[in-house]
Amino acid sequence: MPPPASSNAVLSRPAIPRLEPDSLERVNEDAARRVDSPTVSEAQEEHAPLLGGGLLSARIRGDEGAFQPTPVSAAQSNSEQITLGAAAQIEIESGQVRFLIPFVGRWPSEHWLSGFRPALQAWPQHLVEPLLDEGRGLQLGPLPATELDEHVRAVKDLVATANRIYVEQIEPELRRQRDEAIRREQEEHRLHAEVEAKLKYLLG
């Protein structure tokens, strides 16, 4: 078994000026029998001792006893910060768990996703890598129920890292590009006014 990828792995800097939308991974929804979370028995499924106790959805949200992602500073609060919602479409079969973790609110922008992809490169190799289900969230599994906590913690750290990449690398470049576009527009208006005034002076 290959060793886990280091949490301090150097993440490649996203190329901001030429963002090209990639094809997001689709989950084969016909691969296994779907069981929507409202119909799953909490007593038999989400509270099962196999899962370590506690509602799965509560553990993913970060309620009591759940793992917490890397905190985001107050200075980042006005940025595009993506958070995870409660688990949905939970399936448990033969000790294997499969579920969807939606993003809270709207789907992340392509700019944010350009930071998510390099963050995913540091995903621990011994864990089942999550898949982006376009327009819905992150699909996890099938994975051993005994490794549920480790996977949820890794997903939270993954999203926190993507948030940090967006704030520290992508957002400043986007701001620089916006400022440059405004500066060019203002320069064009100034030049237009000067030319118009000069032509009026020369031609009356």
N, C-alpha and C. Protein backbone atom coordinates (compact mmCIF):
# COMPACT_ATOMS: atom_id res chain seq x y z
N MET A 1 0.86 -1.20 0.00
CA MET A 1 0.00 0.00 0.00
C MET A 1 0.88 1.24 0.00
N PRO A 2 0.68 2.16 -0.98
CA PRO A 2 1.54 3.37 -1.02
C PRO A 2 1.28 4.26 0.15
N PRO A 3 2.29 4.97 0.64
CA PRO A 3 2.15 5.84 1.82
C PRO A 3 1.24 6.99 1.52
N PRO A 4 0.53 7.54 2.54
CA PRO A 4 -0.36 8.69 2.34
C PRO A 4 0.42 9.87 1.84
N ALA A 5 -0.27 10.61 0.99
CA ALA A 5 0.37 11.83 0.49
C ALA A 5 0.51 12.83 1.62
N SER A 6 1.61 13.54 1.65
CA SER A 6 1.87 14.50 2.72
C SER A 6 0.88 15.63 2.66
N SER A 7 0.36 16.04 3.81
CA SER A 7 -0.56 17.18 3.88
C SER A 7 0.13 18.48 3.54
N ASN A 8 1.51 18.45 3.55
CA ASN A 8 2.27 19.65 3.22
C ASN A 8 2.74 19.64 1.78
N ALA A 9 2.09 18.78 0.94
CA ALA A 9 2.51 18.70 -0.46
C ALA A 9 2.38 20.06 -1.11
N VAL A 10 3.36 20.39 -1.97
CA VAL A 10 3.36 21.69 -2.65
C VAL A 10 2.31 21.66 -3.74
N LEU A 11 1.40 22.58 -3.70
CA LEU A 11 0.32 22.64 -4.67
C LEU A 11 0.73 23.54 -5.82
N SER A 12 0.49 23.07 -7.04
CA SER A 12 0.84 23.87 -8.20
C SER A 12 -0.06 25.09 -8.29
N ARG A 13 0.51 26.21 -8.72
CA ARG A 13 -0.23 27.45 -8.80
C ARG A 13 -1.15 27.42 -10.00
N PRO A 14 -2.46 27.63 -9.78
CA PRO A 14 -3.40 27.58 -10.89
C PRO A 14 -3.09 28.66 -11.92
N ALA A 15 -3.31 28.33 -13.19
CA ALA A 15 -3.11 29.30 -14.27
C ALA A 15 -4.39 30.10 -14.43
N ILE A 16 -4.39 31.34 -13.92
CA ILE A 16 -5.62 32.13 -13.87
C ILE A 16 -6.00 32.73 -15.22
N PRO A 17 -5.05 33.33 -15.97
CA PRO A 17 -5.47 34.07 -17.16
C PRO A 17 -6.19 33.23 -18.19
N ARG A 18 -5.91 31.92 -18.26
CA ARG A 18 -6.51 31.10 -19.30
C ARG A 18 -7.23 29.92 -18.67
N LEU A 19 -8.34 30.23 -18.03
CA LEU A 19 -9.10 29.17 -17.39
C LEU A 19 -9.97 28.48 -18.44
N GLU A 20 -9.81 27.21 -18.57
CA GLU A 20 -10.61 26.43 -19.50
C GLU A 20 -11.45 25.46 -18.70
N PRO A 21 -12.74 25.46 -18.82
CA PRO A 21 -13.57 24.53 -18.05
C PRO A 21 -13.28 23.10 -18.42
N ASP A 22 -12.98 22.31 -17.43
CA ASP A 22 -12.74 20.90 -17.66
C ASP A 22 -14.05 20.14 -17.57
N SER A 23 -14.06 18.96 -18.08
CA SER A 23 -15.23 18.11 -17.93
C SER A 23 -15.21 17.53 -16.53
N LEU A 24 -16.22 17.87 -15.76
CA LEU A 24 -16.28 17.38 -14.39
C LEU A 24 -16.70 15.92 -14.39
N GLU A 25 -16.13 15.21 -13.42
CA GLU A 25 -16.39 13.78 -13.35
C GLU A 25 -17.86 13.52 -13.05
N ARG A 26 -18.43 12.57 -13.76
CA ARG A 26 -19.79 12.13 -13.53
C ARG A 26 -19.79 10.81 -12.78
N VAL A 27 -20.75 10.66 -11.94
CA VAL A 27 -20.87 9.42 -11.19
C VAL A 27 -21.88 8.54 -11.88
N ASN A 28 -21.56 7.29 -12.07
CA ASN A 28 -22.50 6.37 -12.68
C ASN A 28 -23.57 6.03 -11.66
N GLU A 29 -24.68 6.72 -11.80
CA GLU A 29 -25.72 6.61 -10.78
C GLU A 29 -26.46 5.27 -10.87
N ASP A 30 -26.25 4.53 -11.97
CA ASP A 30 -26.92 3.25 -12.10
C ASP A 30 -26.08 2.11 -11.55
N ALA A 31 -24.87 2.46 -11.06
CA ALA A 31 -23.95 1.40 -10.63
C ALA A 31 -24.44 0.70 -9.39
N ALA A 32 -25.21 1.41 -8.55
CA ALA A 32 -25.68 0.79 -7.31
C ALA A 32 -27.07 1.27 -7.02
N ARG A 33 -27.78 0.55 -6.19
CA ARG A 33 -29.15 0.91 -5.83
C ARG A 33 -29.14 2.15 -4.96
N ARG A 34 -29.90 3.17 -5.36
CA ARG A 34 -29.96 4.42 -4.62
C ARG A 34 -30.94 4.31 -3.45
N VAL A 35 -30.55 4.89 -2.33
CA VAL A 35 -31.45 5.00 -1.18
C VAL A 35 -31.37 6.42 -0.71
N ASP A 36 -32.39 7.23 -0.93
CA ASP A 36 -32.38 8.62 -0.50
C ASP A 36 -32.33 8.69 1.01
N SER A 37 -31.63 9.70 1.51
CA SER A 37 -31.43 9.80 2.96
C SER A 37 -32.73 9.89 3.75
N PRO A 38 -33.81 10.54 3.26
CA PRO A 38 -35.02 10.59 4.08
C PRO A 38 -35.61 9.21 4.33
N THR A 39 -35.32 8.20 3.46
CA THR A 39 -35.93 6.89 3.63
C THR A 39 -35.02 5.92 4.35
N VAL A 40 -33.83 6.35 4.69
CA VAL A 40 -32.91 5.46 5.39
C VAL A 40 -33.20 5.50 6.87
N SER A 41 -33.30 4.34 7.49
CA SER A 41 -33.56 4.28 8.92
C SER A 41 -32.38 4.78 9.69
N GLU A 42 -32.59 5.84 10.49
CA GLU A 42 -31.50 6.38 11.28
C GLU A 42 -31.01 5.36 12.29
N ALA A 43 -31.94 4.59 12.83
CA ALA A 43 -31.56 3.63 13.86
C ALA A 43 -30.71 2.52 13.28
N GLN A 44 -31.02 2.09 12.02
CA GLN A 44 -30.31 0.96 11.45
C GLN A 44 -29.11 1.37 10.63
N GLU A 45 -29.13 2.59 10.06
CA GLU A 45 -28.09 2.97 9.12
C GLU A 45 -27.18 4.03 9.69
N GLU A 46 -27.72 5.26 9.93
CA GLU A 46 -26.86 6.37 10.31
C GLU A 46 -26.35 6.25 11.74
N HIS A 47 -27.11 5.53 12.60
CA HIS A 47 -26.66 5.36 13.97
C HIS A 47 -25.99 4.00 14.18
N ALA A 48 -25.75 3.27 13.12
CA ALA A 48 -25.19 1.93 13.25
C ALA A 48 -23.83 1.99 13.94
N PRO A 49 -23.55 1.03 14.84
CA PRO A 49 -22.24 1.01 15.50
C PRO A 49 -21.10 0.93 14.51
N LEU A 50 -21.36 0.33 13.34
CA LEU A 50 -20.32 0.20 12.33
C LEU A 50 -19.79 1.55 11.89
N LEU A 51 -20.63 2.59 11.95
CA LEU A 51 -20.23 3.92 11.53
C LEU A 51 -19.64 4.75 12.66
N GLY A 52 -19.54 4.18 13.83
CA GLY A 52 -18.92 4.89 14.93
C GLY A 52 -19.90 5.73 15.72
N GLY A 53 -21.19 5.64 15.39
CA GLY A 53 -22.20 6.37 16.14
C GLY A 53 -22.38 7.78 15.64
N GLY A 54 -23.58 8.36 15.84
CA GLY A 54 -23.85 9.74 15.44
C GLY A 54 -24.35 9.80 14.02
N LEU A 55 -25.22 10.78 13.75
CA LEU A 55 -25.76 10.96 12.41
C LEU A 55 -24.65 11.27 11.42
N LEU A 56 -24.65 10.59 10.30
CA LEU A 56 -23.64 10.85 9.27
C LEU A 56 -23.72 12.28 8.79
N SER A 57 -24.94 12.77 8.56
CA SER A 57 -25.10 14.14 8.07
C SER A 57 -24.56 15.14 9.08
N ALA A 58 -24.78 14.88 10.38
CA ALA A 58 -24.28 15.80 11.41
C ALA A 58 -22.77 15.78 11.47
N ARG A 59 -22.17 14.60 11.28
CA ARG A 59 -20.72 14.50 11.34
C ARG A 59 -20.07 15.24 10.18
N ILE A 60 -20.70 15.19 9.01
CA ILE A 60 -20.15 15.90 7.85
C ILE A 60 -20.30 17.40 8.01
N ARG A 61 -21.42 17.85 8.60
CA ARG A 61 -21.61 19.29 8.81
C ARG A 61 -20.64 19.83 9.84
N GLY A 62 -20.10 18.98 10.69
CA GLY A 62 -19.17 19.46 11.71
C GLY A 62 -19.85 19.70 13.03
N ASP A 63 -20.99 18.98 13.27
CA ASP A 63 -21.66 19.12 14.55
C ASP A 63 -20.84 18.41 15.62
N GLU A 64 -21.43 18.21 16.76
CA GLU A 64 -20.72 17.74 17.94
C GLU A 64 -19.86 16.51 17.62
N GLY A 65 -18.58 16.63 17.95
CA GLY A 65 -17.68 15.50 17.82
C GLY A 65 -17.14 15.28 16.43
N ALA A 66 -17.57 16.07 15.45
CA ALA A 66 -17.12 15.85 14.08
C ALA A 66 -15.77 16.52 13.85
N PHE A 67 -15.09 16.06 12.83
CA PHE A 67 -13.82 16.66 12.48
C PHE A 67 -14.06 18.02 11.86
N GLN A 68 -13.12 18.95 12.06
CA GLN A 68 -13.24 20.30 11.54
C GLN A 68 -12.19 20.55 10.47
N PRO A 69 -12.56 21.28 9.39
CA PRO A 69 -11.56 21.62 8.38
C PRO A 69 -10.61 22.69 8.87
N THR A 70 -9.55 22.93 8.11
CA THR A 70 -8.62 24.00 8.43
C THR A 70 -9.38 25.32 8.48
N PRO A 71 -9.32 26.08 9.58
CA PRO A 71 -10.12 27.30 9.70
C PRO A 71 -9.71 28.34 8.68
N VAL A 72 -10.71 29.14 8.27
CA VAL A 72 -10.48 30.24 7.34
C VAL A 72 -10.48 31.53 8.13
N SER A 73 -9.51 32.38 7.90
CA SER A 73 -9.37 33.61 8.68
C SER A 73 -10.50 34.57 8.39
N ALA A 74 -10.72 35.53 9.29
CA ALA A 74 -11.79 36.51 9.12
C ALA A 74 -11.57 37.37 7.90
N ALA A 75 -10.31 37.55 7.50
CA ALA A 75 -10.02 38.38 6.34
C ALA A 75 -10.50 37.73 5.06
N GLN A 76 -10.79 36.43 5.11
CA GLN A 76 -11.23 35.71 3.93
C GLN A 76 -12.75 35.64 3.81
N SER A 77 -13.47 36.20 4.77
CA SER A 77 -14.90 36.01 4.86
C SER A 77 -15.66 36.58 3.69
N ASN A 78 -15.11 37.58 3.00
CA ASN A 78 -15.80 38.18 1.88
C ASN A 78 -15.47 37.50 0.57
N SER A 79 -14.64 36.47 0.59
CA SER A 79 -14.24 35.77 -0.61
C SER A 79 -15.23 34.65 -0.90
N GLU A 80 -15.04 34.02 -2.06
CA GLU A 80 -15.85 32.86 -2.40
C GLU A 80 -15.39 31.69 -1.55
N GLN A 81 -16.11 31.41 -0.49
CA GLN A 81 -15.77 30.32 0.41
C GLN A 81 -16.83 29.23 0.28
N ILE A 82 -16.41 28.06 -0.09
CA ILE A 82 -17.31 26.93 -0.31
C ILE A 82 -17.39 26.10 0.96
N THR A 83 -18.60 25.73 1.32
CA THR A 83 -18.81 24.87 2.49
C THR A 83 -19.61 23.64 2.07
N LEU A 84 -19.52 22.61 2.89
CA LEU A 84 -20.18 21.34 2.62
C LEU A 84 -21.51 21.24 3.34
N GLY A 85 -22.48 20.63 2.67
CA GLY A 85 -23.78 20.42 3.28
C GLY A 85 -23.88 19.04 3.93
N ALA A 86 -25.11 18.67 4.28
CA ALA A 86 -25.35 17.38 4.92
C ALA A 86 -25.31 16.26 3.88
N ALA A 87 -24.90 15.08 4.34
CA ALA A 87 -24.82 13.93 3.44
C ALA A 87 -26.20 13.56 2.91
N ALA A 88 -26.23 13.10 1.66
CA ALA A 88 -27.48 12.70 1.03
C ALA A 88 -27.24 11.41 0.24
N GLN A 89 -28.32 10.77 -0.15
CA GLN A 89 -28.28 9.55 -0.96
C GLN A 89 -27.33 8.52 -0.35
N ILE A 90 -27.51 8.27 0.91
CA ILE A 90 -26.63 7.36 1.64
C ILE A 90 -26.99 5.91 1.32
N GLU A 91 -26.02 5.13 0.95
CA GLU A 91 -26.19 3.70 0.68
C GLU A 91 -25.19 2.92 1.54
N ILE A 92 -25.66 1.85 2.13
CA ILE A 92 -24.78 0.97 2.91
C ILE A 92 -25.06 -0.47 2.48
N GLU A 93 -24.04 -1.13 2.02
CA GLU A 93 -24.20 -2.52 1.57
C GLU A 93 -22.92 -3.29 1.84
N SER A 94 -23.06 -4.37 2.57
CA SER A 94 -21.93 -5.26 2.88
C SER A 94 -20.75 -4.50 3.49
N GLY A 95 -21.05 -3.57 4.39
CA GLY A 95 -20.00 -2.83 5.07
C GLY A 95 -19.39 -1.72 4.24
N GLN A 96 -19.90 -1.47 3.04
CA GLN A 96 -19.42 -0.41 2.17
C GLN A 96 -20.43 0.75 2.17
N VAL A 97 -19.90 1.97 2.25
CA VAL A 97 -20.75 3.16 2.32
C VAL A 97 -20.54 3.99 1.06
N ARG A 98 -21.63 4.55 0.57
CA ARG A 98 -21.59 5.45 -0.59
C ARG A 98 -22.56 6.59 -0.31
N PHE A 99 -22.12 7.84 -0.54
CA PHE A 99 -22.99 8.97 -0.27
C PHE A 99 -22.53 10.20 -1.04
N LEU A 100 -23.42 11.20 -1.10
CA LEU A 100 -23.15 12.46 -1.78
C LEU A 100 -23.03 13.56 -0.74
N ILE A 101 -22.02 14.43 -0.89
CA ILE A 101 -21.89 15.62 -0.04
C ILE A 101 -22.12 16.84 -0.95
N PRO A 102 -23.26 17.49 -0.83
CA PRO A 102 -23.51 18.66 -1.69
C PRO A 102 -22.76 19.88 -1.18
N PHE A 103 -22.51 20.83 -2.08
CA PHE A 103 -21.99 22.13 -1.69
C PHE A 103 -23.15 23.00 -1.25
N VAL A 104 -22.94 23.78 -0.20
CA VAL A 104 -23.99 24.68 0.29
C VAL A 104 -24.12 25.86 -0.67
N GLY A 105 -25.35 26.20 -1.02
CA GLY A 105 -25.59 27.33 -1.92
C GLY A 105 -25.36 26.96 -3.37
N ARG A 106 -24.86 27.91 -4.13
CA ARG A 106 -24.68 27.69 -5.56
C ARG A 106 -23.45 26.84 -5.84
N TRP A 107 -23.41 26.31 -7.06
CA TRP A 107 -22.27 25.51 -7.50
C TRP A 107 -21.03 26.40 -7.56
N PRO A 108 -19.85 25.90 -7.15
CA PRO A 108 -18.63 26.72 -7.17
C PRO A 108 -18.31 27.23 -8.58
N SER A 109 -17.71 28.40 -8.62
CA SER A 109 -17.30 28.98 -9.90
C SER A 109 -16.13 28.20 -10.49
N GLU A 110 -15.91 28.37 -11.80
CA GLU A 110 -14.78 27.72 -12.45
C GLU A 110 -13.46 28.20 -11.86
N HIS A 111 -13.43 29.45 -11.39
CA HIS A 111 -12.21 29.96 -10.74
C HIS A 111 -11.91 29.16 -9.47
N TRP A 112 -12.94 28.92 -8.65
CA TRP A 112 -12.72 28.15 -7.43
C TRP A 112 -12.31 26.72 -7.76
N LEU A 113 -12.96 26.15 -8.76
CA LEU A 113 -12.64 24.77 -9.15
C LEU A 113 -11.20 24.66 -9.66
N SER A 114 -10.67 25.75 -10.23
CA SER A 114 -9.28 25.71 -10.69
C SER A 114 -8.31 25.64 -9.51
N GLY A 115 -8.77 25.97 -8.31
CA GLY A 115 -7.97 25.77 -7.10
C GLY A 115 -8.26 24.43 -6.46
N PHE A 116 -9.47 23.90 -6.67
CA PHE A 116 -9.84 22.61 -6.11
C PHE A 116 -9.03 21.48 -6.76
N ARG A 117 -8.81 21.57 -8.06
CA ARG A 117 -8.15 20.48 -8.78
C ARG A 117 -6.71 20.26 -8.30
N PRO A 118 -5.88 21.32 -8.15
CA PRO A 118 -4.54 21.05 -7.60
C PRO A 118 -4.58 20.61 -6.14
N ALA A 119 -5.58 21.06 -5.39
CA ALA A 119 -5.71 20.59 -4.00
C ALA A 119 -5.98 19.09 -3.97
N LEU A 120 -6.73 18.61 -4.96
CA LEU A 120 -7.06 17.19 -5.01
C LEU A 120 -5.83 16.32 -5.28
N GLN A 121 -4.79 16.93 -5.85
CA GLN A 121 -3.57 16.18 -6.13
C GLN A 121 -2.90 15.69 -4.84
N ALA A 122 -3.19 16.36 -3.73
CA ALA A 122 -2.60 15.96 -2.44
C ALA A 122 -3.49 14.99 -1.68
N TRP A 123 -4.54 14.47 -2.33
CA TRP A 123 -5.44 13.53 -1.66
C TRP A 123 -4.66 12.28 -1.22
N PRO A 124 -4.86 11.82 0.02
CA PRO A 124 -4.15 10.62 0.49
C PRO A 124 -4.41 9.41 -0.41
N GLN A 125 -3.36 8.77 -0.84
CA GLN A 125 -3.49 7.69 -1.82
C GLN A 125 -4.18 6.45 -1.27
N HIS A 126 -4.19 6.27 0.04
CA HIS A 126 -4.81 5.08 0.59
C HIS A 126 -6.31 5.26 0.79
N LEU A 127 -6.84 6.46 0.50
CA LEU A 127 -8.27 6.71 0.63
C LEU A 127 -8.93 6.73 -0.74
N VAL A 128 -10.25 6.49 -0.74
CA VAL A 128 -11.03 6.52 -1.98
C VAL A 128 -11.25 7.98 -2.38
N GLU A 129 -10.75 8.36 -3.54
CA GLU A 129 -10.81 9.76 -3.97
C GLU A 129 -12.25 10.18 -4.31
N PRO A 130 -12.68 11.33 -3.84
CA PRO A 130 -14.03 11.81 -4.16
C PRO A 130 -14.12 12.24 -5.62
N LEU A 131 -15.32 12.15 -6.17
CA LEU A 131 -15.56 12.57 -7.54
C LEU A 131 -16.52 13.76 -7.56
N LEU A 132 -16.21 14.73 -8.42
CA LEU A 132 -17.11 15.86 -8.61
C LEU A 132 -18.32 15.40 -9.41
N ASP A 133 -19.49 15.55 -8.85
CA ASP A 133 -20.74 15.25 -9.55
C ASP A 133 -21.33 16.60 -9.95
N GLU A 134 -21.20 16.97 -11.20
CA GLU A 134 -21.49 18.33 -11.66
C GLU A 134 -22.89 18.80 -11.24
N GLY A 135 -22.92 19.97 -10.63
CA GLY A 135 -24.18 20.56 -10.20
C GLY A 135 -24.73 20.00 -8.91
N ARG A 136 -24.05 19.03 -8.33
CA ARG A 136 -24.58 18.38 -7.14
C ARG A 136 -23.62 18.44 -5.95
N GLY A 137 -22.39 17.97 -6.13
CA GLY A 137 -21.45 17.98 -5.01
C GLY A 137 -20.35 16.96 -5.21
N LEU A 138 -19.88 16.39 -4.09
CA LEU A 138 -18.82 15.40 -4.10
C LEU A 138 -19.40 14.03 -3.79
N GLN A 139 -19.10 13.08 -4.64
CA GLN A 139 -19.57 11.71 -4.45
C GLN A 139 -18.45 10.89 -3.83
N LEU A 140 -18.74 10.25 -2.70
CA LEU A 140 -17.76 9.43 -2.02
C LEU A 140 -18.23 7.98 -1.98
N GLY A 141 -17.27 7.07 -2.17
CA GLY A 141 -17.56 5.66 -2.06
C GLY A 141 -17.66 4.96 -3.40
N PRO A 142 -17.86 3.65 -3.31
CA PRO A 142 -18.00 2.90 -2.05
C PRO A 142 -16.68 2.84 -1.28
N LEU A 143 -16.79 2.97 0.03
CA LEU A 143 -15.63 2.94 0.91
C LEU A 143 -15.98 2.17 2.17
N PRO A 144 -14.99 1.58 2.84
CA PRO A 144 -15.28 0.83 4.06
C PRO A 144 -15.89 1.72 5.13
N ALA A 145 -16.95 1.24 5.75
CA ALA A 145 -17.60 2.03 6.78
C ALA A 145 -16.66 2.32 7.95
N THR A 146 -15.71 1.46 8.17
CA THR A 146 -14.75 1.67 9.26
C THR A 146 -13.81 2.84 8.98
N GLU A 147 -13.72 3.28 7.72
CA GLU A 147 -12.84 4.38 7.35
C GLU A 147 -13.63 5.67 7.08
N LEU A 148 -14.87 5.70 7.51
CA LEU A 148 -15.75 6.84 7.23
C LEU A 148 -15.19 8.14 7.80
N ASP A 149 -14.79 8.12 9.07
CA ASP A 149 -14.30 9.33 9.72
C ASP A 149 -13.08 9.90 8.99
N GLU A 150 -12.17 9.02 8.59
CA GLU A 150 -10.95 9.47 7.92
C GLU A 150 -11.28 10.11 6.57
N HIS A 151 -12.24 9.55 5.85
CA HIS A 151 -12.63 10.11 4.56
C HIS A 151 -13.31 11.46 4.72
N VAL A 152 -14.21 11.57 5.69
CA VAL A 152 -14.91 12.84 5.92
C VAL A 152 -13.92 13.93 6.31
N ARG A 153 -12.98 13.58 7.18
CA ARG A 153 -11.97 14.55 7.58
C ARG A 153 -11.14 15.00 6.38
N ALA A 154 -10.76 14.06 5.51
CA ALA A 154 -9.96 14.39 4.34
C ALA A 154 -10.74 15.28 3.37
N VAL A 155 -12.04 15.04 3.23
CA VAL A 155 -12.85 15.88 2.34
C VAL A 155 -12.94 17.30 2.88
N LYS A 156 -13.11 17.45 4.17
CA LYS A 156 -13.17 18.78 4.77
C LYS A 156 -11.85 19.52 4.58
N ASP A 157 -10.75 18.81 4.79
CA ASP A 157 -9.44 19.44 4.58
C ASP A 157 -9.23 19.80 3.12
N LEU A 158 -9.75 18.96 2.23
CA LEU A 158 -9.64 19.23 0.79
C LEU A 158 -10.33 20.54 0.42
N VAL A 159 -11.55 20.72 0.89
CA VAL A 159 -12.32 21.93 0.58
C VAL A 159 -11.67 23.14 1.24
N ALA A 160 -11.17 22.98 2.47
CA ALA A 160 -10.49 24.09 3.14
C ALA A 160 -9.23 24.51 2.38
N THR A 161 -8.50 23.53 1.85
CA THR A 161 -7.30 23.84 1.07
C THR A 161 -7.67 24.56 -0.22
N ALA A 162 -8.73 24.11 -0.89
CA ALA A 162 -9.19 24.78 -2.11
C ALA A 162 -9.62 26.21 -1.81
N ASN A 163 -10.28 26.43 -0.69
CA ASN A 163 -10.64 27.79 -0.28
C ASN A 163 -9.40 28.66 -0.10
N ARG A 164 -8.38 28.07 0.53
CA ARG A 164 -7.16 28.82 0.80
C ARG A 164 -6.42 29.16 -0.50
N ILE A 165 -6.39 28.22 -1.44
CA ILE A 165 -5.76 28.48 -2.73
C ILE A 165 -6.49 29.61 -3.45
N TYR A 166 -7.81 29.59 -3.38
CA TYR A 166 -8.59 30.64 -4.04
C TYR A 166 -8.27 32.01 -3.44
N VAL A 167 -8.23 32.07 -2.11
CA VAL A 167 -8.01 33.34 -1.43
C VAL A 167 -6.59 33.85 -1.64
N GLU A 168 -5.61 32.97 -1.56
CA GLU A 168 -4.22 33.40 -1.58
C GLU A 168 -3.63 33.54 -2.99
N GLN A 169 -4.16 32.81 -3.94
CA GLN A 169 -3.56 32.81 -5.28
C GLN A 169 -4.51 33.31 -6.36
N ILE A 170 -5.71 32.76 -6.40
CA ILE A 170 -6.60 33.05 -7.52
C ILE A 170 -7.27 34.41 -7.38
N GLU A 171 -7.83 34.69 -6.21
CA GLU A 171 -8.55 35.96 -6.03
C GLU A 171 -7.66 37.18 -6.25
N PRO A 172 -6.42 37.22 -5.73
CA PRO A 172 -5.57 38.39 -6.01
C PRO A 172 -5.32 38.60 -7.51
N GLU A 173 -5.13 37.51 -8.25
CA GLU A 173 -4.92 37.63 -9.69
C GLU A 173 -6.17 38.13 -10.39
N LEU A 174 -7.33 37.63 -9.98
CA LEU A 174 -8.58 38.12 -10.55
C LEU A 174 -8.78 39.60 -10.27
N ARG A 175 -8.42 40.02 -9.04
CA ARG A 175 -8.55 41.43 -8.67
C ARG A 175 -7.59 42.29 -9.51
N ARG A 176 -6.39 41.78 -9.71
CA ARG A 176 -5.42 42.51 -10.54
C ARG A 176 -5.94 42.67 -11.97
N GLN A 177 -6.53 41.60 -12.51
CA GLN A 177 -7.08 41.67 -13.86
C GLN A 177 -8.23 42.65 -13.95
N ARG A 178 -9.09 42.66 -12.93
CA ARG A 178 -10.21 43.62 -12.93
C ARG A 178 -9.70 45.06 -12.87
N ASP A 179 -8.73 45.30 -11.99
CA ASP A 179 -8.17 46.65 -11.86
C ASP A 179 -7.52 47.10 -13.16
N GLU A 180 -6.81 46.18 -13.82
CA GLU A 180 -6.16 46.51 -15.08
C GLU A 180 -7.20 46.83 -16.16
N ALA A 181 -8.30 46.07 -16.18
CA ALA A 181 -9.36 46.33 -17.16
C ALA A 181 -9.99 47.70 -16.92
N ILE A 182 -10.21 48.06 -15.65
CA ILE A 182 -10.77 49.37 -15.32
C ILE A 182 -9.80 50.47 -15.72
N ARG A 183 -8.50 50.26 -15.45
CA ARG A 183 -7.51 51.27 -15.81
C ARG A 183 -7.48 51.49 -17.32
N ARG A 184 -7.54 50.41 -18.10
CA ARG A 184 -7.53 50.55 -19.55
C ARG A 184 -8.77 51.28 -20.05
N GLU A 185 -9.91 50.96 -19.45
CA GLU A 185 -11.16 51.62 -19.86
C GLU A 185 -11.11 53.11 -19.56
N GLN A 186 -10.59 53.46 -18.36
CA GLN A 186 -10.48 54.86 -18.01
C GLN A 186 -9.51 55.59 -18.94
N GLU A 187 -8.42 54.93 -19.33
CA GLU A 187 -7.45 55.52 -20.24
C GLU A 187 -8.07 55.75 -21.63
N GLU A 188 -8.87 54.81 -22.06
CA GLU A 188 -9.54 54.97 -23.35
C GLU A 188 -10.51 56.14 -23.32
N HIS A 189 -11.25 56.30 -22.24
CA HIS A 189 -12.18 57.44 -22.11
C HIS A 189 -11.41 58.76 -22.11
N ARG A 190 -10.28 58.79 -21.38
CA ARG A 190 -9.49 60.00 -21.33
C ARG A 190 -8.95 60.37 -22.70
N LEU A 191 -8.41 59.36 -23.41
CA LEU A 191 -7.87 59.60 -24.74
C LEU A 191 -8.96 60.05 -25.71
N HIS A 192 -10.12 59.45 -25.61
CA HIS A 192 -11.24 59.83 -26.47
C HIS A 192 -11.62 61.28 -26.24
N ALA A 193 -11.67 61.69 -24.97
CA ALA A 193 -12.02 63.07 -24.65
C ALA A 193 -10.98 64.04 -25.18
N GLU A 194 -9.70 63.68 -25.07
CA GLU A 194 -8.62 64.54 -25.56
C GLU A 194 -8.69 64.69 -27.08
N VAL A 195 -8.88 63.57 -27.78
CA VAL A 195 -8.96 63.62 -29.24
C VAL A 195 -10.17 64.43 -29.69
N GLU A 196 -11.29 64.22 -29.02
CA GLU A 196 -12.50 64.95 -29.38
C GLU A 196 -12.30 66.45 -29.18
N ALA A 197 -11.66 66.83 -28.07
CA ALA A 197 -11.43 68.25 -27.79
C ALA A 197 -10.44 68.85 -28.80
N LYS A 198 -9.42 68.10 -29.16
CA LYS A 198 -8.43 68.61 -30.11
C LYS A 198 -9.03 68.78 -31.51
N LEU A 199 -9.85 67.81 -31.93
CA LEU A 199 -10.50 67.92 -33.23
C LEU A 199 -11.47 69.10 -33.27
N LYS A 200 -12.15 69.34 -32.16
CA LYS A 200 -13.06 70.46 -32.10
C LYS A 200 -12.30 71.77 -32.19
N TYR A 201 -11.11 71.83 -31.56
CA TYR A 201 -10.28 73.03 -31.60
C TYR A 201 -9.73 73.27 -33.02
N LEU A 202 -9.33 72.14 -33.67
CA LEU A 202 -8.74 72.29 -35.01
C LEU A 202 -9.79 72.54 -36.11
N LEU A 203 -10.93 71.93 -35.98
CA LEU A 203 -11.92 72.00 -37.05
C LEU A 203 -13.14 72.86 -36.72
N GLY A 204 -13.22 73.26 -35.44
CA GLY A 204 -14.34 74.10 -35.07
C GLY A 204 -15.60 73.29 -34.77
